[in-house]
Amino acid sequence: MKREYNFSKLKELKNPYPGKKKAIGINLSPEVVDYFKGLAEETGVAYQKLIDLYLLDCAKKGKKLRMKWVA
């Protein structure tokens, strides 16, 4: 590896994915984060990407959350 690199001749490239993703803030349970981080270690895919892929799959399949509240 070189000690210094000359980047002066590089051309600027436009982002090929503008507007394809939307940054949001979300609060997740530690168990959820730990679960996806474990999957990330197994798969080599970033845990944020795994969460995005899972939610995208739910959205595409129109999955509905079924909850039963117990008093």
C-alpha atoms as a PDB file:
ATOM      1  CA  MET A   1       0.000   0.000   0.000  1.00  0.00           C
ATOM      2  CA  LYS A   2       1.295   3.441  -0.874  1.00  0.00           C
ATOM      3  CA  ARG A   3       1.944   6.046   1.799  1.00  0.00           C
ATOM      4  CA  GLU A   4       0.168   8.696  -0.254  1.00  0.00           C
ATOM      5  CA  TYR A   5      -2.352   8.602  -3.066  1.00  0.00           C
ATOM      6  CA  ASN A   6      -3.028  11.278  -5.682  1.00  0.00           C
ATOM      7  CA  PHE A   7      -6.755  11.792  -6.087  1.00  0.00           C
ATOM      8  CA  SER A   8      -6.499  15.034  -8.058  1.00  0.00           C
ATOM      9  CA  LYS A   9      -7.275  13.337 -11.413  1.00  0.00           C
ATOM     10  CA  LEU A  10     -10.372  11.509 -10.238  1.00  0.00           C
ATOM     11  CA  LYS A  11     -13.673  12.521 -11.784  1.00  0.00           C
ATOM     12  CA  GLU A  12     -16.674  13.204  -9.580  1.00  0.00           C
ATOM     13  CA  LEU A  13     -19.441  10.634  -9.979  1.00  0.00           C
ATOM     14  CA  LYS A  14     -23.075  11.293  -9.250  1.00  0.00           C
ATOM     15  CA  ASN A  15     -24.792   9.043  -6.754  1.00  0.00           C
ATOM     16  CA  PRO A  16     -26.606   6.403  -8.870  1.00  0.00           C
ATOM     17  CA  TYR A  17     -29.146   5.837  -6.089  1.00  0.00           C
ATOM     18  CA  PRO A  18     -30.494   9.281  -5.180  1.00  0.00           C
ATOM     19  CA  GLY A  19     -33.763   9.117  -3.340  1.00  0.00           C
ATOM     20  CA  LYS A  20     -33.866   5.325  -3.332  1.00  0.00           C
ATOM     21  CA  LYS A  21     -33.459   5.161   0.447  1.00  0.00           C
ATOM     22  CA  LYS A  22     -34.814   7.388   3.171  1.00  0.00           C
ATOM     23  CA  ALA A  23     -32.906   7.964   6.401  1.00  0.00           C
ATOM     24  CA  ILE A  24     -35.071   7.761   9.500  1.00  0.00           C
ATOM     25  CA  GLY A  25     -34.598   7.404  13.220  1.00  0.00           C
ATOM     26  CA  ILE A  26     -36.130   4.341  14.854  1.00  0.00           C
ATOM     27  CA  ASN A  27     -36.008   2.953  18.377  1.00  0.00           C
ATOM     28  CA  LEU A  28     -35.557  -0.816  18.512  1.00  0.00           C
ATOM     29  CA  SER A  29     -35.451  -3.200  21.450  1.00  0.00           C
ATOM     30  CA  PRO A  30     -31.965  -4.397  22.374  1.00  0.00           C
ATOM     31  CA  GLU A  31     -33.157  -7.951  21.679  1.00  0.00           C
ATOM     32  CA  VAL A  32     -34.077  -7.003  18.112  1.00  0.00           C
ATOM     33  CA  VAL A  33     -30.707  -5.341  17.495  1.00  0.00           C
ATOM     34  CA  ASP A  34     -28.832  -8.292  19.040  1.00  0.00           C
ATOM     35  CA  TYR A  35     -30.815 -10.748  16.922  1.00  0.00           C
ATOM     36  CA  PHE A  36     -30.023  -8.969  13.671  1.00  0.00           C
ATOM     37  CA  LYS A  37     -26.385  -8.405  14.679  1.00  0.00           C
ATOM     38  CA  GLY A  38     -26.109 -12.170  15.211  1.00  0.00           C
ATOM     39  CA  LEU A  39     -27.564 -12.771  11.754  1.00  0.00           C
ATOM     40  CA  ALA A  40     -25.134 -10.198  10.388  1.00  0.00           C
ATOM     41  CA  GLU A  41     -22.179 -12.142  11.774  1.00  0.00           C
ATOM     42  CA  GLU A  42     -23.507 -15.361  10.219  1.00  0.00           C
ATOM     43  CA  THR A  43     -24.247 -13.865   6.820  1.00  0.00           C
ATOM     44  CA  GLY A  44     -21.643 -11.119   6.475  1.00  0.00           C
ATOM     45  CA  VAL A  45     -24.404  -8.601   5.690  1.00  0.00           C
ATOM     46  CA  ALA A  46     -24.727  -5.436   7.786  1.00  0.00           C
ATOM     47  CA  TYR A  47     -27.461  -5.713  10.405  1.00  0.00           C
ATOM     48  CA  GLN A  48     -29.129  -2.487   9.238  1.00  0.00           C
ATOM     49  CA  LYS A  49     -29.379  -3.962   5.746  1.00  0.00           C
ATOM     50  CA  LEU A  50     -30.870  -7.179   7.145  1.00  0.00           C
ATOM     51  CA  ILE A  51     -33.519  -5.200   9.018  1.00  0.00           C
ATOM     52  CA  ASP A  52     -34.282  -3.259   5.822  1.00  0.00           C
ATOM     53  CA  LEU A  53     -34.523  -6.467   3.767  1.00  0.00           C
ATOM     54  CA  TYR A  54     -36.836  -8.087   6.309  1.00  0.00           C
ATOM     55  CA  LEU A  55     -39.145  -5.075   6.483  1.00  0.00           C
ATOM     56  CA  LEU A  56     -39.115  -4.758   2.680  1.00  0.00           C
ATOM     57  CA  ASP A  57     -40.157  -8.417   2.410  1.00  0.00           C
ATOM     58  CA  CYS A  58     -43.018  -7.787   4.859  1.00  0.00           C
ATOM     59  CA  ALA A  59     -44.129  -4.733   2.889  1.00  0.00           C
ATOM     60  CA  LYS A  60     -44.026  -6.530  -0.471  1.00  0.00           C
ATOM     61  CA  LYS A  61     -46.017  -9.479   0.877  1.00  0.00           C
ATOM     62  CA  GLY A  62     -48.497  -7.176   2.631  1.00  0.00           C
ATOM     63  CA  LYS A  63     -47.919  -8.889   5.966  1.00  0.00           C
ATOM     64  CA  LYS A  64     -50.063  -7.634   8.815  1.00  0.00           C
ATOM     65  CA  LEU A  65     -49.005  -7.701  12.443  1.00  0.00           C
ATOM     66  CA  ARG A  66     -51.344  -9.793  14.572  1.00  0.00           C
ATOM     67  CA  MET A  67     -51.332  -8.716  18.194  1.00  0.00           C
ATOM     68  CA  LYS A  68     -53.369  -9.990  21.071  1.00  0.00           C
ATOM     69  CA  TRP A  69     -53.368  -7.712  24.116  1.00  0.00           C
ATOM     70  CA  VAL A  70     -53.720  -9.470  27.437  1.00  0.00           C
ATOM     71  CA  ALA A  71     -55.056  -7.457  30.367  1.00  0.00           C
END
